[in-house]
PDB file of all heavy atoms in Angstrom:
ATOM      1  N   MET A   1      43.799 -79.399  43.202  1.00  0.00           N
ATOM      2  CA  MET A   1      44.911 -80.331  43.144  1.00  0.00           C
ATOM      3  C   MET A   1      45.950 -79.913  42.098  1.00  0.00           C
ATOM      4  O   MET A   1      47.102 -80.224  42.236  1.00  0.00           O
ATOM      5  CB  MET A   1      44.401 -81.737  42.858  1.00  0.00           C
ATOM      6  CG  MET A   1      43.628 -82.338  44.018  1.00  0.00           C
ATOM      7  SD  MET A   1      43.038 -84.004  43.705  1.00  0.00           S
ATOM      8  CE  MET A   1      44.601 -84.873  43.630  1.00  0.00           C
ATOM      9  N   ARG A   2      45.490 -79.243  41.086  1.00  0.00           N
ATOM     10  CA  ARG A   2      46.402 -78.778  40.030  1.00  0.00           C
ATOM     11  C   ARG A   2      46.526 -77.262  40.123  1.00  0.00           C
ATOM     12  O   ARG A   2      45.553 -76.554  39.904  1.00  0.00           O
ATOM     13  CB  ARG A   2      45.892 -79.201  38.671  1.00  0.00           C
ATOM     14  CG  ARG A   2      46.064 -80.696  38.467  1.00  0.00           C
ATOM     15  CD  ARG A   2      45.366 -81.205  37.223  1.00  0.00           C
ATOM     16  NE  ARG A   2      45.327 -82.649  37.159  1.00  0.00           N
ATOM     17  CZ  ARG A   2      44.506 -83.409  37.861  1.00  0.00           C
ATOM     18  NH1 ARG A   2      43.631 -82.870  38.668  1.00  0.00           N
ATOM     19  NH2 ARG A   2      44.555 -84.715  37.755  1.00  0.00           N
ATOM     20  N   ILE A   3      47.734 -76.836  40.447  1.00  0.00           N
ATOM     21  CA  ILE A   3      48.020 -75.403  40.556  1.00  0.00           C
ATOM     22  C   ILE A   3      48.888 -75.008  39.383  1.00  0.00           C
ATOM     23  O   ILE A   3      49.891 -75.669  39.074  1.00  0.00           O
ATOM     24  CB  ILE A   3      48.718 -75.078  41.885  1.00  0.00           C
ATOM     25  CG1 ILE A   3      47.779 -75.376  43.047  1.00  0.00           C
ATOM     26  CG2 ILE A   3      49.194 -73.651  41.914  1.00  0.00           C
ATOM     27  CD1 ILE A   3      48.390 -75.176  44.418  1.00  0.00           C
ATOM     28  N   ASP A   4      48.494 -73.947  38.703  1.00  0.00           N
ATOM     29  CA  ASP A   4      49.281 -73.422  37.597  1.00  0.00           C
ATOM     30  C   ASP A   4      50.685 -73.081  38.093  1.00  0.00           C
ATOM     31  O   ASP A   4      50.840 -72.269  39.024  1.00  0.00           O
ATOM     32  CB  ASP A   4      48.591 -72.180  37.039  1.00  0.00           C
ATOM     33  CG  ASP A   4      49.314 -71.536  35.872  1.00  0.00           C
ATOM     34  OD1 ASP A   4      50.457 -71.921  35.556  1.00  0.00           O
ATOM     35  OD2 ASP A   4      48.709 -70.653  35.242  1.00  0.00           O
ATOM     36  N   PRO A   5      51.729 -73.693  37.531  1.00  0.00           N
ATOM     37  CA  PRO A   5      53.073 -73.431  38.001  1.00  0.00           C
ATOM     38  C   PRO A   5      53.439 -71.947  37.977  1.00  0.00           C
ATOM     39  O   PRO A   5      54.225 -71.484  38.807  1.00  0.00           O
ATOM     40  CB  PRO A   5      53.969 -74.216  37.014  1.00  0.00           C
ATOM     41  CG  PRO A   5      53.079 -75.274  36.467  1.00  0.00           C
ATOM     42  CD  PRO A   5      51.704 -74.692  36.450  1.00  0.00           C
ATOM     43  N   GLN A   6      52.850 -71.200  37.066  1.00  0.00           N
ATOM     44  CA  GLN A   6      53.128 -69.757  37.004  1.00  0.00           C
ATOM     45  C   GLN A   6      52.463 -68.994  38.136  1.00  0.00           C
ATOM     46  O   GLN A   6      52.805 -67.850  38.384  1.00  0.00           O
ATOM     47  CB  GLN A   6      52.742 -69.198  35.648  1.00  0.00           C
ATOM     48  CG  GLN A   6      53.560 -69.763  34.516  1.00  0.00           C
ATOM     49  CD  GLN A   6      53.231 -69.130  33.189  1.00  0.00           C
ATOM     50  OE1 GLN A   6      52.559 -68.108  33.120  1.00  0.00           O
ATOM     51  NE2 GLN A   6      53.739 -69.732  32.121  1.00  0.00           N
ATOM     52  N   ARG A   7      51.488 -69.619  38.802  1.00  0.00           N
ATOM     53  CA  ARG A   7      50.808 -68.968  39.925  1.00  0.00           C
ATOM     54  C   ARG A   7      51.269 -69.489  41.283  1.00  0.00           C
ATOM     55  O   ARG A   7      50.901 -68.945  42.306  1.00  0.00           O
ATOM     56  CB  ARG A   7      49.278 -69.214  39.807  1.00  0.00           C
ATOM     57  CG  ARG A   7      48.600 -68.577  38.639  1.00  0.00           C
ATOM     58  CD  ARG A   7      47.996 -67.216  38.958  1.00  0.00           C
ATOM     59  NE  ARG A   7      47.228 -67.204  40.189  1.00  0.00           N
ATOM     60  CZ  ARG A   7      47.464 -66.336  41.203  1.00  0.00           C
ATOM     61  NH1 ARG A   7      48.409 -65.453  41.103  1.00  0.00           N
ATOM     62  NH2 ARG A   7      46.731 -66.367  42.303  1.00  0.00           N
ATOM     63  N   SER A   8      52.047 -70.565  41.296  1.00  0.00           N
ATOM     64  CA  SER A   8      52.346 -71.207  42.575  1.00  0.00           C
ATOM     65  C   SER A   8      53.117 -70.300  43.522  1.00  0.00           C
ATOM     66  O   SER A   8      52.845 -70.318  44.747  1.00  0.00           O
ATOM     67  CB  SER A   8      53.100 -72.535  42.357  1.00  0.00           C
ATOM     68  OG  SER A   8      54.360 -72.296  41.789  1.00  0.00           O
ATOM     69  N   ALA A   9      54.051 -69.471  43.053  1.00  0.00           N
ATOM     70  CA  ALA A   9      54.782 -68.570  43.948  1.00  0.00           C
ATOM     71  C   ALA A   9      53.848 -67.539  44.571  1.00  0.00           C
ATOM     72  O   ALA A   9      53.917 -67.248  45.775  1.00  0.00           O
ATOM     73  CB  ALA A   9      55.923 -67.899  43.221  1.00  0.00           C
ATOM     74  N   ALA A  10      52.950 -66.977  43.770  1.00  0.00           N
ATOM     75  CA  ALA A  10      51.988 -65.985  44.296  1.00  0.00           C
ATOM     76  C   ALA A  10      51.025 -66.630  45.294  1.00  0.00           C
ATOM     77  O   ALA A  10      50.687 -66.046  46.325  1.00  0.00           O
ATOM     78  CB  ALA A  10      51.231 -65.325  43.145  1.00  0.00           C
ATOM     79  N   ILE A  11      50.585 -67.851  44.980  1.00  0.00           N
ATOM     80  CA  ILE A  11      49.687 -68.569  45.902  1.00  0.00           C
ATOM     81  C   ILE A  11      50.421 -68.827  47.208  1.00  0.00           C
ATOM     82  O   ILE A  11      49.872 -68.646  48.292  1.00  0.00           O
ATOM     83  CB  ILE A  11      49.160 -69.867  45.237  1.00  0.00           C
ATOM     84  CG1 ILE A  11      48.203 -69.503  44.104  1.00  0.00           C
ATOM     85  CG2 ILE A  11      48.490 -70.763  46.272  1.00  0.00           C
ATOM     86  CD1 ILE A  11      47.826 -70.659  43.217  1.00  0.00           C
ATOM     87  N   ALA A  12      51.660 -69.289  47.128  1.00  0.00           N
ATOM     88  CA  ALA A  12      52.440 -69.552  48.339  1.00  0.00           C
ATOM     89  C   ALA A  12      52.592 -68.280  49.165  1.00  0.00           C
ATOM     90  O   ALA A  12      52.462 -68.313  50.412  1.00  0.00           O
ATOM     91  CB  ALA A  12      53.809 -70.145  47.966  1.00  0.00           C
ATOM     92  N   ASP A  13      52.867 -67.157  48.530  1.00  0.00           N
ATOM     93  CA  ASP A  13      53.002 -65.885  49.247  1.00  0.00           C
ATOM     94  C   ASP A  13      51.681 -65.516  49.935  1.00  0.00           C
ATOM     95  O   ASP A  13      51.699 -65.049  51.100  1.00  0.00           O
ATOM     96  CB  ASP A  13      53.424 -64.769  48.314  1.00  0.00           C
ATOM     97  CG  ASP A  13      54.884 -64.872  47.888  1.00  0.00           C
ATOM     98  OD1 ASP A  13      55.656 -65.647  48.507  1.00  0.00           O
ATOM     99  OD2 ASP A  13      55.253 -64.195  46.903  1.00  0.00           O
ATOM    100  N   SER A  14      50.574 -65.699  49.262  1.00  0.00           N
ATOM    101  CA  SER A  14      49.271 -65.406  49.866  1.00  0.00           C
ATOM    102  C   SER A  14      49.009 -66.325  51.047  1.00  0.00           C
ATOM    103  O   SER A  14      48.483 -65.873  52.088  1.00  0.00           O
ATOM    104  CB  SER A  14      48.155 -65.552  48.841  1.00  0.00           C
ATOM    105  OG  SER A  14      48.294 -64.566  47.822  1.00  0.00           O
ATOM    106  N   LEU A  15      49.334 -67.600  50.918  1.00  0.00           N
ATOM    107  CA  LEU A  15      49.150 -68.533  52.025  1.00  0.00           C
ATOM    108  C   LEU A  15      50.046 -68.177  53.209  1.00  0.00           C
ATOM    109  O   LEU A  15      49.609 -68.210  54.373  1.00  0.00           O
ATOM    110  CB  LEU A  15      49.401 -69.984  51.584  1.00  0.00           C
ATOM    111  CG  LEU A  15      48.363 -70.586  50.662  1.00  0.00           C
ATOM    112  CD1 LEU A  15      48.852 -71.932  50.111  1.00  0.00           C
ATOM    113  CD2 LEU A  15      47.015 -70.736  51.370  1.00  0.00           C
ATOM    114  N   ARG A  16      51.266 -67.800  52.935  1.00  0.00           N
ATOM    115  CA  ARG A  16      52.177 -67.377  54.020  1.00  0.00           C
ATOM    116  C   ARG A  16      51.586 -66.183  54.788  1.00  0.00           C
ATOM    117  O   ARG A  16      51.669 -66.110  56.021  1.00  0.00           O
ATOM    118  CB  ARG A  16      53.547 -66.992  53.456  1.00  0.00           C
ATOM    119  CG  ARG A  16      54.441 -68.141  53.177  1.00  0.00           C
ATOM    120  CD  ARG A  16      55.858 -67.653  52.773  1.00  0.00           C
ATOM    121  NE  ARG A  16      56.631 -68.757  52.290  1.00  0.00           N
ATOM    122  CZ  ARG A  16      56.776 -69.067  50.999  1.00  0.00           C
ATOM    123  NH1 ARG A  16      56.216 -68.324  50.055  1.00  0.00           N
ATOM    124  NH2 ARG A  16      57.498 -70.100  50.636  1.00  0.00           N
ATOM    125  N   ALA A  17      50.986 -65.244  54.047  1.00  0.00           N
ATOM    126  CA  ALA A  17      50.384 -64.074  54.709  1.00  0.00           C
ATOM    127  C   ALA A  17      49.225 -64.482  55.607  1.00  0.00           C
ATOM    128  O   ALA A  17      49.099 -63.971  56.736  1.00  0.00           O
ATOM    129  CB  ALA A  17      49.927 -63.072  53.650  1.00  0.00           C
ATOM    130  N   VAL A  18      48.378 -65.394  55.133  1.00  0.00           N
ATOM    131  CA  VAL A  18      47.262 -65.880  55.962  1.00  0.00           C
ATOM    132  C   VAL A  18      47.807 -66.583  57.188  1.00  0.00           C
ATOM    133  O   VAL A  18      47.349 -66.328  58.312  1.00  0.00           O
ATOM    134  CB  VAL A  18      46.354 -66.843  55.137  1.00  0.00           C
ATOM    135  CG1 VAL A  18      45.356 -67.523  56.069  1.00  0.00           C
ATOM    136  CG2 VAL A  18      45.648 -66.105  54.024  1.00  0.00           C
ATOM    137  N   LEU A  19      48.804 -67.432  57.026  1.00  0.00           N
ATOM    138  CA  LEU A  19      49.367 -68.172  58.147  1.00  0.00           C
ATOM    139  C   LEU A  19      50.043 -67.215  59.138  1.00  0.00           C
ATOM    140  O   LEU A  19      49.927 -67.425  60.346  1.00  0.00           O
ATOM    141  CB  LEU A  19      50.317 -69.231  57.666  1.00  0.00           C
ATOM    142  CG  LEU A  19      49.674 -70.371  56.872  1.00  0.00           C
ATOM    143  CD1 LEU A  19      50.736 -71.303  56.304  1.00  0.00           C
ATOM    144  CD2 LEU A  19      48.676 -71.134  57.719  1.00  0.00           C
ATOM    145  N   ALA A  20      50.721 -66.204  58.651  1.00  0.00           N
ATOM    146  CA  ALA A  20      51.387 -65.226  59.541  1.00  0.00           C
ATOM    147  C   ALA A  20      50.352 -64.494  60.388  1.00  0.00           C
ATOM    148  O   ALA A  20      50.584 -64.284  61.604  1.00  0.00           O
ATOM    149  CB  ALA A  20      52.206 -64.243  58.711  1.00  0.00           C
ATOM    150  N   ARG A  21      49.230 -64.117  59.801  1.00  0.00           N
ATOM    151  CA  ARG A  21      48.174 -63.445  60.584  1.00  0.00           C
ATOM    152  C   ARG A  21      47.541 -64.391  61.588  1.00  0.00           C
ATOM    153  O   ARG A  21      47.033 -63.927  62.615  1.00  0.00           O
ATOM    154  CB  ARG A  21      47.084 -62.910  59.652  1.00  0.00           C
ATOM    155  CG  ARG A  21      47.487 -61.711  58.861  1.00  0.00           C
ATOM    156  CD  ARG A  21      46.288 -61.038  58.188  1.00  0.00           C
ATOM    157  NE  ARG A  21      45.446 -61.929  57.446  1.00  0.00           N
ATOM    158  CZ  ARG A  21      45.602 -62.267  56.164  1.00  0.00           C
ATOM    159  NH1 ARG A  21      46.625 -61.774  55.470  1.00  0.00           N
ATOM    160  NH2 ARG A  21      44.779 -63.058  55.534  1.00  0.00           N
ATOM    161  N   SER A  22      47.569 -65.667  61.296  1.00  0.00           N
ATOM    162  CA  SER A  22      46.879 -66.639  62.163  1.00  0.00           C
ATOM    163  C   SER A  22      47.782 -67.235  63.238  1.00  0.00           C
ATOM    164  O   SER A  22      47.296 -67.951  64.092  1.00  0.00           O
ATOM    165  CB  SER A  22      46.351 -67.792  61.290  1.00  0.00           C
ATOM    166  OG  SER A  22      45.451 -67.297  60.322  1.00  0.00           O
ATOM    167  N   SER A  23      49.065 -66.932  63.201  1.00  0.00           N
ATOM    168  CA  SER A  23      49.978 -67.649  64.080  1.00  0.00           C
ATOM    169  C   SER A  23      50.430 -66.891  65.299  1.00  0.00           C
ATOM    170  O   SER A  23      51.375 -67.315  65.971  1.00  0.00           O
ATOM    171  CB  SER A  23      51.205 -68.092  63.259  1.00  0.00           C
ATOM    172  OG  SER A  23      51.924 -66.988  62.810  1.00  0.00           O
ATOM    173  N   ALA A  24      49.788 -65.812  65.644  1.00  0.00           N
ATOM    174  CA  ALA A  24      50.231 -64.982  66.792  1.00  0.00           C
ATOM    175  C   ALA A  24      50.260 -65.813  68.074  1.00  0.00           C
ATOM    176  O   ALA A  24      51.145 -65.665  68.892  1.00  0.00           O
ATOM    177  CB  ALA A  24      49.317 -63.796  66.944  1.00  0.00           C
ATOM    178  N   ASP A  25      49.258 -66.676  68.283  1.00  0.00           N
ATOM    179  CA  ASP A  25      49.184 -67.479  69.495  1.00  0.00           C
ATOM    180  C   ASP A  25      49.534 -68.941  69.224  1.00  0.00           C
ATOM    181  O   ASP A  25      49.155 -69.829  69.976  1.00  0.00           O
ATOM    182  CB  ASP A  25      47.774 -67.435  70.087  1.00  0.00           C
ATOM    183  CG  ASP A  25      47.395 -66.032  70.537  1.00  0.00           C
ATOM    184  OD1 ASP A  25      48.295 -65.339  71.049  1.00  0.00           O
ATOM    185  OD2 ASP A  25      46.235 -65.645  70.370  1.00  0.00           O
ATOM    186  N   GLY A  26      50.244 -69.211  68.165  1.00  0.00           N
ATOM    187  CA  GLY A  26      50.524 -70.599  67.751  1.00  0.00           C
ATOM    188  C   GLY A  26      49.628 -70.965  66.590  1.00  0.00           C
ATOM    189  O   GLY A  26      48.600 -70.373  66.383  1.00  0.00           O
ATOM    190  N   LEU A  27      50.060 -71.946  65.850  1.00  0.00           N
ATOM    191  CA  LEU A  27      49.354 -72.307  64.626  1.00  0.00           C
ATOM    192  C   LEU A  27      49.232 -73.808  64.511  1.00  0.00           C
ATOM    193  O   LEU A  27      50.208 -74.535  64.688  1.00  0.00           O
ATOM    194  CB  LEU A  27      50.131 -71.775  63.411  1.00  0.00           C
ATOM    195  CG  LEU A  27      49.669 -72.218  62.031  1.00  0.00           C
ATOM    196  CD1 LEU A  27      48.303 -71.678  61.702  1.00  0.00           C
ATOM    197  CD2 LEU A  27      50.691 -71.792  60.977  1.00  0.00           C
ATOM    198  N   THR A  28      48.027 -74.252  64.186  1.00  0.00           N
ATOM    199  CA  THR A  28      47.791 -75.632  63.797  1.00  0.00           C
ATOM    200  C   THR A  28      47.166 -75.591  62.408  1.00  0.00           C
ATOM    201  O   THR A  28      46.182 -74.883  62.183  1.00  0.00           O
ATOM    202  CB  THR A  28      46.832 -76.356  64.774  1.00  0.00           C
ATOM    203  OG1 THR A  28      47.456 -76.437  66.061  1.00  0.00           O
ATOM    204  CG2 THR A  28      46.515 -77.760  64.291  1.00  0.00           C
ATOM    205  N   GLY A  29      47.758 -76.327  61.471  1.00  0.00           N
ATOM    206  CA  GLY A  29      47.224 -76.424  60.132  1.00  0.00           C
ATOM    207  C   GLY A  29      46.626 -77.779  59.909  1.00  0.00           C
ATOM    208  O   GLY A  29      47.213 -78.803  60.301  1.00  0.00           O
ATOM    209  N   LEU A  30      45.447 -77.826  59.315  1.00  0.00           N
ATOM    210  CA  LEU A  30      44.725 -79.068  59.010  1.00  0.00           C
ATOM    211  C   LEU A  30      44.686 -79.305  57.533  1.00  0.00           C
ATOM    212  O   LEU A  30      44.277 -78.426  56.763  1.00  0.00           O
ATOM    213  CB  LEU A  30      43.296 -78.990  59.530  1.00  0.00           C
ATOM    214  CG  LEU A  30      43.075 -78.667  60.997  1.00  0.00           C
ATOM    215  CD1 LEU A  30      41.618 -78.461  61.302  1.00  0.00           C
ATOM    216  CD2 LEU A  30      43.644 -79.808  61.864  1.00  0.00           C
ATOM    217  N   SER A  31      45.094 -80.468  57.083  1.00  0.00           N
ATOM    218  CA  SER A  31      45.175 -80.765  55.656  1.00  0.00           C
ATOM    219  C   SER A  31      44.901 -82.241  55.413  1.00  0.00           C
ATOM    220  O   SER A  31      45.258 -83.091  56.217  1.00  0.00           O
ATOM    221  CB  SER A  31      46.559 -80.421  55.139  1.00  0.00           C
ATOM    222  OG  SER A  31      46.712 -80.824  53.791  1.00  0.00           O
ATOM    223  N   CYS A  32      44.321 -82.550  54.262  1.00  0.00           N
ATOM    224  CA  CYS A  32      44.152 -83.931  53.811  1.00  0.00           C
ATOM    225  C   CYS A  32      45.333 -84.384  52.976  1.00  0.00           C
ATOM    226  O   CYS A  32      45.365 -85.538  52.524  1.00  0.00           O
ATOM    227  CB  CYS A  32      42.850 -84.079  53.008  1.00  0.00           C
ATOM    228  SG  CYS A  32      41.363 -83.860  54.012  1.00  0.00           S
ATOM    229  N   LEU A  33      46.289 -83.526  52.732  1.00  0.00           N
ATOM    230  CA  LEU A  33      47.526 -83.795  51.996  1.00  0.00           C
ATOM    231  C   LEU A  33      47.317 -84.192  50.543  1.00  0.00           C
ATOM    232  O   LEU A  33      48.184 -84.838  49.952  1.00  0.00           O
ATOM    233  CB  LEU A  33      48.369 -84.883  52.681  1.00  0.00           C
ATOM    234  CG  LEU A  33      48.977 -84.527  54.022  1.00  0.00           C
ATOM    235  CD1 LEU A  33      49.937 -85.641  54.444  1.00  0.00           C
ATOM    236  CD2 LEU A  33      49.706 -83.201  54.001  1.00  0.00           C
TER     237      LEU A  33
END
């Protein structure tokens, strides 16, 4: 729940990469928000 602000951009980039690899046939993301 607490992300180091200095790491948030790198974490976002890593998540984007995972989502890009997963979205070839469409993407559904599941989250508790």
